């Protein structure tokens, strides 16, 4: 997954995965954090969550979907 944020590229395919936390939830309550190390030695945290988490994104009137954030 490639994400550009604040004019910086984050690529989970080329970065090294150092560890993952997952709350064990499924569907709407799913939440996971994965720590990555880039080739230049910098770190980034990829957070993914379902529609009932703080990462939810609106997708219509009174409708929500999961989201991803660096």
N, C-alpha and C. Protein backbone atom coordinates (compact mmCIF):
# COMPACT_ATOMS: atom_id res chain seq x y z
N UNK A 1 0.85 -1.16 0.00
CA UNK A 1 0.00 0.00 0.00
C UNK A 1 0.90 1.23 0.00
N UNK A 2 0.64 2.16 -0.89
CA UNK A 2 1.39 3.40 -0.95
C UNK A 2 0.49 4.54 -0.48
N UNK A 3 1.01 5.36 0.43
CA UNK A 3 0.28 6.51 0.93
C UNK A 3 1.21 7.72 0.89
N UNK A 4 0.70 8.83 0.37
CA UNK A 4 1.47 10.08 0.40
C UNK A 4 0.77 11.01 1.38
N UNK A 5 1.53 11.45 2.38
CA UNK A 5 1.00 12.37 3.38
C UNK A 5 2.06 13.40 3.71
N UNK A 6 1.68 14.67 3.72
CA UNK A 6 2.61 15.78 3.95
C UNK A 6 3.81 15.71 3.02
N UNK A 7 3.56 15.41 1.76
CA UNK A 7 4.56 15.33 0.70
C UNK A 7 5.63 14.26 0.97
N UNK A 8 5.28 13.24 1.75
CA UNK A 8 6.19 12.13 2.02
C UNK A 8 5.51 10.83 1.61
N UNK A 9 6.30 9.92 1.02
CA UNK A 9 5.78 8.63 0.55
C UNK A 9 6.00 7.57 1.61
N UNK A 10 4.94 6.81 1.87
CA UNK A 10 5.00 5.67 2.78
C UNK A 10 4.54 4.46 1.98
N UNK A 11 5.41 3.45 1.89
CA UNK A 11 5.12 2.27 1.09
C UNK A 11 5.32 1.02 1.95
N UNK A 12 4.24 0.33 2.26
CA UNK A 12 4.33 -0.86 3.10
C UNK A 12 4.96 -2.04 2.38
N UNK A 13 5.03 -1.98 1.04
CA UNK A 13 5.62 -3.08 0.27
C UNK A 13 7.15 -3.06 0.31
N UNK A 14 7.75 -1.88 0.46
CA UNK A 14 9.21 -1.78 0.49
C UNK A 14 9.75 -1.61 1.91
N UNK A 15 8.91 -1.23 2.86
CA UNK A 15 9.34 -1.06 4.25
C UNK A 15 9.34 -2.41 4.97
N UNK A 16 10.10 -2.48 6.04
CA UNK A 16 10.16 -3.70 6.85
C UNK A 16 9.12 -3.63 7.97
N UNK A 17 8.31 -4.67 8.10
CA UNK A 17 7.32 -4.75 9.17
C UNK A 17 8.03 -5.18 10.45
N UNK A 18 7.88 -4.37 11.51
CA UNK A 18 8.54 -4.68 12.78
C UNK A 18 7.59 -5.33 13.79
N UNK A 19 6.30 -5.13 13.63
CA UNK A 19 5.34 -5.73 14.55
C UNK A 19 3.95 -5.19 14.33
N UNK A 20 2.97 -5.96 14.81
CA UNK A 20 1.56 -5.59 14.64
C UNK A 20 0.80 -5.80 15.93
N UNK A 21 -0.11 -4.86 16.23
CA UNK A 21 -1.07 -5.03 17.32
C UNK A 21 -2.44 -5.09 16.68
N UNK A 22 -3.25 -6.04 17.10
CA UNK A 22 -4.63 -6.16 16.61
C UNK A 22 -5.53 -6.41 17.81
N UNK A 23 -6.67 -5.72 17.86
CA UNK A 23 -7.56 -5.86 19.01
C UNK A 23 -8.37 -7.15 18.99
N UNK A 24 -8.27 -7.92 17.94
CA UNK A 24 -9.01 -9.17 17.86
C UNK A 24 -10.45 -9.00 17.40
N UNK A 25 -10.86 -7.77 17.19
CA UNK A 25 -12.22 -7.51 16.73
C UNK A 25 -12.37 -7.85 15.25
N UNK A 26 -13.61 -7.88 14.81
CA UNK A 26 -13.90 -8.16 13.41
C UNK A 26 -14.91 -7.15 12.92
N UNK A 27 -14.92 -6.94 11.62
CA UNK A 27 -15.92 -6.07 11.00
C UNK A 27 -15.82 -4.64 11.47
N UNK A 28 -16.93 -4.12 12.00
CA UNK A 28 -17.01 -2.72 12.40
C UNK A 28 -16.03 -2.34 13.50
N UNK A 29 -15.68 -3.27 14.37
CA UNK A 29 -14.83 -2.98 15.53
C UNK A 29 -13.36 -3.34 15.32
N UNK A 30 -13.00 -3.80 14.14
CA UNK A 30 -11.62 -4.18 13.86
C UNK A 30 -10.69 -2.98 14.01
N UNK A 31 -9.53 -3.17 14.66
CA UNK A 31 -8.53 -2.11 14.79
C UNK A 31 -7.14 -2.75 14.83
N UNK A 32 -6.22 -2.24 14.04
CA UNK A 32 -4.86 -2.78 14.01
C UNK A 32 -3.85 -1.65 13.80
N UNK A 33 -2.68 -1.81 14.42
CA UNK A 33 -1.57 -0.88 14.23
C UNK A 33 -0.35 -1.71 13.83
N UNK A 34 0.36 -1.27 12.80
CA UNK A 34 1.55 -1.97 12.33
C UNK A 34 2.69 -0.97 12.24
N UNK A 35 3.82 -1.30 12.87
CA UNK A 35 5.00 -0.45 12.85
C UNK A 35 5.93 -0.90 11.73
N UNK A 36 6.35 0.06 10.89
CA UNK A 36 7.23 -0.21 9.77
C UNK A 36 8.51 0.62 9.89
N UNK A 37 9.59 0.10 9.33
CA UNK A 37 10.86 0.81 9.23
C UNK A 37 11.17 1.01 7.75
N UNK A 38 11.37 2.27 7.36
CA UNK A 38 11.70 2.57 5.97
C UNK A 38 13.18 2.28 5.72
N UNK A 39 13.57 2.20 4.46
CA UNK A 39 14.96 1.92 4.09
C UNK A 39 15.91 3.01 4.57
N UNK A 40 15.40 4.24 4.77
CA UNK A 40 16.25 5.34 5.23
C UNK A 40 16.36 5.38 6.76
N UNK A 41 15.79 4.38 7.45
CA UNK A 41 15.91 4.29 8.90
C UNK A 41 14.79 4.97 9.67
N UNK A 42 13.85 5.62 8.98
CA UNK A 42 12.72 6.26 9.66
C UNK A 42 11.60 5.26 9.86
N UNK A 43 10.76 5.53 10.84
CA UNK A 43 9.66 4.64 11.20
C UNK A 43 8.33 5.30 10.89
N UNK A 44 7.32 4.46 10.64
CA UNK A 44 5.96 4.97 10.54
C UNK A 44 4.99 3.91 11.05
N UNK A 45 3.87 4.38 11.55
CA UNK A 45 2.83 3.52 12.13
C UNK A 45 1.61 3.58 11.22
N UNK A 46 1.18 2.44 10.72
CA UNK A 46 0.00 2.34 9.88
C UNK A 46 -1.15 1.84 10.74
N UNK A 47 -2.21 2.62 10.83
CA UNK A 47 -3.39 2.26 11.64
C UNK A 47 -4.55 1.97 10.70
N UNK A 48 -5.25 0.87 10.95
CA UNK A 48 -6.42 0.48 10.16
C UNK A 48 -7.56 0.20 11.12
N UNK A 49 -8.76 0.64 10.76
CA UNK A 49 -9.89 0.41 11.65
C UNK A 49 -11.20 0.31 10.90
N UNK A 50 -12.16 -0.34 11.54
CA UNK A 50 -13.48 -0.52 10.97
C UNK A 50 -14.37 0.71 11.15
N UNK A 51 -15.61 0.57 10.75
CA UNK A 51 -16.56 1.69 10.75
C UNK A 51 -16.94 2.15 12.15
N UNK A 52 -16.66 1.37 13.18
CA UNK A 52 -17.01 1.74 14.55
C UNK A 52 -15.76 2.15 15.34
N UNK A 53 -14.72 2.64 14.65
CA UNK A 53 -13.50 3.08 15.30
C UNK A 53 -13.26 4.56 14.99
N UNK A 54 -12.23 5.11 15.58
CA UNK A 54 -11.90 6.52 15.34
C UNK A 54 -11.38 6.76 13.93
N UNK A 55 -11.09 5.71 13.19
CA UNK A 55 -10.59 5.84 11.82
C UNK A 55 -11.71 5.79 10.78
N UNK A 56 -12.94 5.70 11.20
CA UNK A 56 -14.07 5.59 10.27
C UNK A 56 -14.14 6.81 9.35
N UNK A 57 -14.57 6.57 8.12
CA UNK A 57 -14.72 7.62 7.11
C UNK A 57 -16.16 7.63 6.62
N UNK A 58 -16.75 8.83 6.44
CA UNK A 58 -18.10 8.87 5.90
C UNK A 58 -18.11 8.44 4.44
N UNK A 59 -19.14 7.69 4.05
CA UNK A 59 -19.25 7.25 2.65
C UNK A 59 -20.65 7.52 2.09
N UNK A 60 -21.44 8.27 2.81
CA UNK A 60 -22.78 8.61 2.39
C UNK A 60 -23.53 9.21 3.56
N UNK A 61 -24.78 9.60 3.35
CA UNK A 61 -25.55 10.16 4.46
C UNK A 61 -25.78 9.10 5.54
N UNK A 62 -25.27 9.37 6.73
CA UNK A 62 -25.38 8.45 7.87
C UNK A 62 -24.79 7.08 7.58
N UNK A 63 -23.76 7.03 6.73
CA UNK A 63 -23.09 5.78 6.40
C UNK A 63 -21.59 5.95 6.64
N UNK A 64 -20.97 4.91 7.20
CA UNK A 64 -19.55 4.97 7.52
C UNK A 64 -18.86 3.72 7.02
N UNK A 65 -17.57 3.85 6.73
CA UNK A 65 -16.74 2.72 6.33
C UNK A 65 -15.42 2.80 7.09
N UNK A 66 -14.65 1.73 7.05
CA UNK A 66 -13.37 1.72 7.73
C UNK A 66 -12.37 2.66 7.08
N UNK A 67 -11.27 2.91 7.78
CA UNK A 67 -10.28 3.82 7.26
C UNK A 67 -8.87 3.42 7.62
N UNK A 68 -7.91 4.12 7.00
CA UNK A 68 -6.49 3.88 7.21
C UNK A 68 -5.84 5.23 7.47
N UNK A 69 -4.83 5.24 8.37
CA UNK A 69 -4.14 6.49 8.68
C UNK A 69 -2.68 6.19 9.00
N UNK A 70 -1.79 7.09 8.60
CA UNK A 70 -0.36 7.01 8.93
C UNK A 70 -0.16 7.81 10.20
